[in-house]
Each structure stands twice: as C-alpha cells, then as structure tokens.
Amino acid sequence: MLERIKYILKNKYYLTSILFLIWMLFLDPNDIITQVRHLVRLNNINQDKEYYQEEIEKINKDLMELNSNKKQLEKFARENYLMKKDNEDIFIIVKEGEK
C-alpha cells in the first residue's frame, strides 16, 4: 500500500491528475461548492417564478371579472378601498389583535 502511494506521488501523470482534480474541486472559482450554491439559488428562483406566475394569473382573472361585472367592481372597491356612496356611512369593526 505504501509502495503504491510512493509510486503515485513519483509518477508525474498521477500527481498532475490529482493536483488538477483538487484544483477543479476546491480551488477553482467554479468549484463544486459554488456550483451547489448556484443550483440551490436557481431552484429558489424557479419556485419564486412559479409563485409569481400563479399570482399574475389570479390577478388577471380578477381584473377580467372586475371589468366585466359592475356589481363585482363596486364590491371590490367597497371592501378593499373603503369607498362609499354619498349618502352612506361606513363603520369599520376591527377585532382585538388585528390591525
């Protein structure tokens, strides 16, 4: 076993190959650790992309519905923007712990 290690260390091709592998795996700017970090970041970005695409689809659906239905538009304005008619009063009831 010891003789084999000595042979590998004395052989310039083996030694060069080992040094090359060490360089590529740990010392290069594009080493394995960096590649794994990039893959994790890419997966997170793809998940965010899917989430935002779903949200865009929901918003577009709501927009189409609001543009086509006056009653739905009025309900949306009243609930989200607290709009009212001139002859109405609005009372907002907030439960304890909510803001």
N, C-alpha and C. Protein backbone atom coordinates (compact mmCIF):
# COMPACT_ATOMS: atom_id res chain seq x y z
N MET A 1 0.83 -1.19 0.00
CA MET A 1 0.00 0.00 0.00
C MET A 1 0.87 1.25 0.00
N LEU A 2 1.87 1.25 0.87
CA LEU A 2 2.77 2.39 0.96
C LEU A 2 3.58 2.55 -0.33
N GLU A 3 3.95 1.43 -0.91
CA GLU A 3 4.70 1.48 -2.17
C GLU A 3 3.83 2.06 -3.29
N ARG A 4 2.57 1.73 -3.27
CA ARG A 4 1.64 2.25 -4.29
C ARG A 4 1.50 3.76 -4.17
N ILE A 5 1.39 4.26 -2.94
CA ILE A 5 1.31 5.70 -2.73
C ILE A 5 2.59 6.39 -3.20
N LYS A 6 3.72 5.81 -2.89
CA LYS A 6 5.00 6.37 -3.35
C LYS A 6 5.06 6.39 -4.87
N TYR A 7 4.57 5.32 -5.49
CA TYR A 7 4.57 5.25 -6.95
C TYR A 7 3.68 6.35 -7.54
N ILE A 8 2.52 6.54 -6.93
CA ILE A 8 1.60 7.57 -7.43
C ILE A 8 2.21 8.95 -7.28
N LEU A 9 2.85 9.21 -6.14
CA LEU A 9 3.45 10.52 -5.92
C LEU A 9 4.68 10.76 -6.80
N LYS A 10 5.37 9.71 -7.19
CA LYS A 10 6.53 9.86 -8.06
C LYS A 10 6.15 9.95 -9.53
N ASN A 11 5.02 9.38 -9.88
CA ASN A 11 4.59 9.40 -11.27
C ASN A 11 4.00 10.78 -11.57
N LYS A 12 4.58 11.49 -12.53
CA LYS A 12 4.15 12.86 -12.80
C LYS A 12 2.73 12.93 -13.37
N TYR A 13 2.27 11.91 -14.05
CA TYR A 13 0.92 11.92 -14.62
C TYR A 13 -0.14 11.76 -13.53
N TYR A 14 0.10 10.83 -12.62
CA TYR A 14 -0.81 10.67 -11.49
C TYR A 14 -0.83 11.93 -10.63
N LEU A 15 0.33 12.42 -10.33
CA LEU A 15 0.44 13.61 -9.49
C LEU A 15 -0.25 14.81 -10.14
N THR A 16 -0.04 14.99 -11.42
CA THR A 16 -0.69 16.08 -12.14
C THR A 16 -2.21 15.91 -12.15
N SER A 17 -2.66 14.69 -12.34
CA SER A 17 -4.10 14.43 -12.34
C SER A 17 -4.71 14.72 -10.98
N ILE A 18 -4.04 14.30 -9.92
CA ILE A 18 -4.55 14.55 -8.57
C ILE A 18 -4.58 16.05 -8.27
N LEU A 19 -3.52 16.74 -8.61
CA LEU A 19 -3.49 18.19 -8.40
C LEU A 19 -4.57 18.90 -9.22
N PHE A 20 -4.76 18.45 -10.43
CA PHE A 20 -5.81 19.02 -11.27
C PHE A 20 -7.19 18.81 -10.64
N LEU A 21 -7.45 17.61 -10.16
CA LEU A 21 -8.74 17.33 -9.53
C LEU A 21 -8.94 18.17 -8.27
N ILE A 22 -7.90 18.28 -7.46
CA ILE A 22 -8.00 19.11 -6.25
C ILE A 22 -8.28 20.55 -6.65
N TRP A 23 -7.58 21.03 -7.65
CA TRP A 23 -7.79 22.41 -8.12
C TRP A 23 -9.22 22.61 -8.61
N MET A 24 -9.71 21.71 -9.43
CA MET A 24 -11.05 21.86 -10.00
C MET A 24 -12.15 21.69 -8.95
N LEU A 25 -11.93 20.83 -7.97
CA LEU A 25 -12.96 20.56 -6.98
C LEU A 25 -13.02 21.61 -5.87
N PHE A 26 -11.91 22.21 -5.52
CA PHE A 26 -11.91 23.07 -4.35
C PHE A 26 -11.36 24.48 -4.57
N LEU A 27 -10.45 24.67 -5.50
CA LEU A 27 -9.76 25.95 -5.61
C LEU A 27 -10.22 26.82 -6.77
N ASP A 28 -10.83 26.25 -7.75
CA ASP A 28 -11.28 26.98 -8.93
C ASP A 28 -12.47 27.88 -8.57
N PRO A 29 -12.62 29.03 -9.23
CA PRO A 29 -13.79 29.88 -8.96
C PRO A 29 -15.13 29.17 -9.23
N ASN A 30 -15.13 28.16 -10.05
CA ASN A 30 -16.35 27.40 -10.35
C ASN A 30 -16.30 26.02 -9.70
N ASP A 31 -15.87 25.97 -8.45
CA ASP A 31 -15.72 24.69 -7.77
C ASP A 31 -17.09 24.08 -7.43
N ILE A 32 -17.05 22.91 -6.85
CA ILE A 32 -18.29 22.17 -6.56
C ILE A 32 -19.18 22.92 -5.58
N ILE A 33 -18.60 23.50 -4.55
CA ILE A 33 -19.39 24.22 -3.55
C ILE A 33 -20.13 25.38 -4.20
N THR A 34 -19.47 26.12 -5.04
CA THR A 34 -20.11 27.23 -5.75
C THR A 34 -21.22 26.72 -6.66
N GLN A 35 -20.99 25.62 -7.34
CA GLN A 35 -22.00 25.07 -8.23
C GLN A 35 -23.24 24.63 -7.46
N VAL A 36 -23.05 24.04 -6.30
CA VAL A 36 -24.19 23.62 -5.47
C VAL A 36 -24.96 24.85 -5.00
N ARG A 37 -24.26 25.89 -4.58
CA ARG A 37 -24.93 27.14 -4.17
C ARG A 37 -25.75 27.71 -5.33
N HIS A 38 -25.17 27.69 -6.52
CA HIS A 38 -25.89 28.21 -7.69
C HIS A 38 -27.14 27.37 -7.99
N LEU A 39 -27.03 26.06 -7.85
CA LEU A 39 -28.19 25.20 -8.09
C LEU A 39 -29.30 25.46 -7.07
N VAL A 40 -28.93 25.64 -5.82
CA VAL A 40 -29.93 25.94 -4.78
C VAL A 40 -30.59 27.27 -5.08
N ARG A 41 -29.80 28.26 -5.43
CA ARG A 41 -30.34 29.59 -5.76
C ARG A 41 -31.26 29.52 -6.98
N LEU A 42 -30.86 28.75 -7.99
CA LEU A 42 -31.68 28.58 -9.18
C LEU A 42 -33.01 27.93 -8.84
N ASN A 43 -32.99 26.92 -7.98
CA ASN A 43 -34.24 26.28 -7.57
C ASN A 43 -35.14 27.26 -6.84
N ASN A 44 -34.56 28.09 -5.96
CA ASN A 44 -35.36 29.09 -5.25
C ASN A 44 -35.96 30.11 -6.22
N ILE A 45 -35.18 30.52 -7.19
CA ILE A 45 -35.67 31.48 -8.18
C ILE A 45 -36.78 30.87 -9.01
N ASN A 46 -36.65 29.61 -9.39
CA ASN A 46 -37.71 28.94 -10.16
C ASN A 46 -38.99 28.80 -9.35
N GLN A 47 -38.86 28.53 -8.04
CA GLN A 47 -40.05 28.45 -7.19
C GLN A 47 -40.72 29.82 -7.09
N ASP A 48 -39.91 30.88 -6.93
CA ASP A 48 -40.46 32.23 -6.90
C ASP A 48 -41.16 32.56 -8.21
N LYS A 49 -40.55 32.15 -9.31
CA LYS A 49 -41.13 32.41 -10.64
C LYS A 49 -42.49 31.75 -10.77
N GLU A 50 -42.60 30.50 -10.34
CA GLU A 50 -43.88 29.79 -10.40
C GLU A 50 -44.92 30.49 -9.53
N TYR A 51 -44.52 30.91 -8.32
CA TYR A 51 -45.45 31.60 -7.43
C TYR A 51 -45.97 32.88 -8.08
N TYR A 52 -45.06 33.68 -8.62
CA TYR A 52 -45.47 34.95 -9.22
C TYR A 52 -46.31 34.74 -10.49
N GLN A 53 -46.03 33.70 -11.25
CA GLN A 53 -46.87 33.41 -12.41
C GLN A 53 -48.28 33.05 -11.99
N GLU A 54 -48.41 32.27 -10.91
CA GLU A 54 -49.74 31.93 -10.40
C GLU A 54 -50.46 33.18 -9.91
N GLU A 55 -49.75 34.05 -9.22
CA GLU A 55 -50.35 35.29 -8.73
C GLU A 55 -50.79 36.19 -9.90
N ILE A 56 -49.99 36.24 -10.94
CA ILE A 56 -50.35 37.05 -12.12
C ILE A 56 -51.62 36.50 -12.76
N GLU A 57 -51.72 35.16 -12.84
CA GLU A 57 -52.93 34.56 -13.41
C GLU A 57 -54.15 34.89 -12.57
N LYS A 58 -54.02 34.84 -11.24
CA LYS A 58 -55.14 35.19 -10.36
C LYS A 58 -55.55 36.65 -10.54
N ILE A 59 -54.56 37.53 -10.60
CA ILE A 59 -54.85 38.95 -10.75
C ILE A 59 -55.49 39.24 -12.09
N ASN A 60 -55.00 38.60 -13.15
CA ASN A 60 -55.62 38.79 -14.47
C ASN A 60 -57.05 38.29 -14.49
N LYS A 61 -57.32 37.18 -13.81
CA LYS A 61 -58.68 36.66 -13.73
C LYS A 61 -59.57 37.64 -12.98
N ASP A 62 -59.07 38.17 -11.85
CA ASP A 62 -59.85 39.15 -11.09
C ASP A 62 -60.08 40.41 -11.90
N LEU A 63 -59.09 40.83 -12.66
CA LEU A 63 -59.21 42.03 -13.48
C LEU A 63 -60.27 41.85 -14.56
N MET A 64 -60.25 40.69 -15.21
CA MET A 64 -61.27 40.42 -16.23
C MET A 64 -62.67 40.43 -15.61
N GLU A 65 -62.78 39.85 -14.42
CA GLU A 65 -64.06 39.79 -13.74
C GLU A 65 -64.53 41.18 -13.34
N LEU A 66 -63.61 42.00 -12.85
CA LEU A 66 -63.97 43.36 -12.44
C LEU A 66 -64.35 44.23 -13.64
N ASN A 67 -63.69 44.03 -14.76
CA ASN A 67 -64.00 44.82 -15.95
C ASN A 67 -65.34 44.42 -16.58
N SER A 68 -65.78 43.21 -16.32
CA SER A 68 -67.00 42.75 -16.97
C SER A 68 -68.24 42.84 -16.09
N ASN A 69 -68.08 43.03 -14.79
CA ASN A 69 -69.22 43.00 -13.88
C ASN A 69 -69.18 44.23 -12.98
N LYS A 70 -70.17 45.12 -13.14
CA LYS A 70 -70.22 46.36 -12.37
C LYS A 70 -70.43 46.09 -10.88
N LYS A 71 -71.27 45.13 -10.55
CA LYS A 71 -71.53 44.83 -9.14
C LYS A 71 -70.26 44.29 -8.47
N GLN A 72 -69.53 43.49 -9.18
CA GLN A 72 -68.29 42.95 -8.63
C GLN A 72 -67.28 44.07 -8.43
N LEU A 73 -67.22 45.02 -9.35
CA LEU A 73 -66.33 46.17 -9.23
C LEU A 73 -66.69 47.00 -8.01
N GLU A 74 -67.97 47.24 -7.81
CA GLU A 74 -68.42 48.02 -6.66
C GLU A 74 -68.07 47.29 -5.35
N LYS A 75 -68.30 45.99 -5.31
CA LYS A 75 -67.99 45.20 -4.12
C LYS A 75 -66.49 45.26 -3.82
N PHE A 76 -65.67 45.14 -4.85
CA PHE A 76 -64.22 45.19 -4.69
C PHE A 76 -63.78 46.55 -4.14
N ALA A 77 -64.33 47.63 -4.71
CA ALA A 77 -63.97 48.98 -4.26
C ALA A 77 -64.38 49.21 -2.82
N ARG A 78 -65.55 48.73 -2.44
CA ARG A 78 -66.03 48.90 -1.07
C ARG A 78 -65.17 48.12 -0.08
N GLU A 79 -64.84 46.89 -0.42
CA GLU A 79 -64.09 46.04 0.52
C GLU A 79 -62.63 46.43 0.63
N ASN A 80 -62.00 46.75 -0.47
CA ASN A 80 -60.56 46.97 -0.45
C ASN A 80 -60.16 48.43 -0.28
N TYR A 81 -60.96 49.34 -0.77
CA TYR A 81 -60.59 50.75 -0.72
C TYR A 81 -61.54 51.58 0.14
N LEU A 82 -62.49 50.91 0.81
CA LEU A 82 -63.44 51.56 1.72
C LEU A 82 -64.18 52.70 1.06
N MET A 83 -64.52 52.56 -0.20
CA MET A 83 -65.28 53.57 -0.91
C MET A 83 -66.75 53.46 -0.53
N LYS A 84 -67.43 54.57 -0.61
CA LYS A 84 -68.85 54.59 -0.24
C LYS A 84 -69.61 55.55 -1.14
N LYS A 85 -70.93 55.41 -1.08
CA LYS A 85 -71.78 56.36 -1.80
C LYS A 85 -71.93 57.60 -0.95
N ASP A 86 -72.42 58.68 -1.55
CA ASP A 86 -72.51 59.96 -0.84
C ASP A 86 -73.43 59.90 0.38
N ASN A 87 -74.49 59.13 0.30
CA ASN A 87 -75.46 59.12 1.39
C ASN A 87 -75.24 57.96 2.37
N GLU A 88 -74.04 57.39 2.41
CA GLU A 88 -73.76 56.26 3.29
C GLU A 88 -72.70 56.62 4.33
N ASP A 89 -72.76 55.93 5.45
CA ASP A 89 -71.71 55.99 6.46
C ASP A 89 -71.09 54.60 6.58
N ILE A 90 -69.78 54.57 6.78
CA ILE A 90 -69.09 53.28 6.90
C ILE A 90 -68.53 53.17 8.31
N PHE A 91 -68.78 52.04 8.93
CA PHE A 91 -68.22 51.73 10.24
C PHE A 91 -67.30 50.53 10.07
N ILE A 92 -66.06 50.71 10.48
CA ILE A 92 -65.09 49.63 10.36
C ILE A 92 -64.92 49.00 11.74
N ILE A 93 -65.18 47.72 11.82
CA ILE A 93 -65.05 46.99 13.07
C ILE A 93 -63.78 46.16 13.01
N VAL A 94 -62.86 46.44 13.92
CA VAL A 94 -61.60 45.73 13.97
C VAL A 94 -61.60 44.86 15.22
N LYS A 95 -61.37 43.58 15.05
CA LYS A 95 -61.30 42.66 16.18
C LYS A 95 -60.00 42.91 16.95
N GLU A 96 -60.01 42.58 18.25
CA GLU A 96 -58.81 42.76 19.05
C GLU A 96 -57.69 41.90 18.51
N GLY A 97 -56.49 42.45 18.46
CA GLY A 97 -55.35 41.71 17.95
C GLY A 97 -55.15 41.89 16.46
N GLU A 98 -56.10 42.45 15.76
CA GLU A 98 -55.96 42.71 14.32
C GLU A 98 -55.68 44.17 14.10
N LYS A 99 -55.02 44.46 13.03
CA LYS A 99 -54.76 45.86 12.69
C LYS A 99 -54.99 46.08 11.25
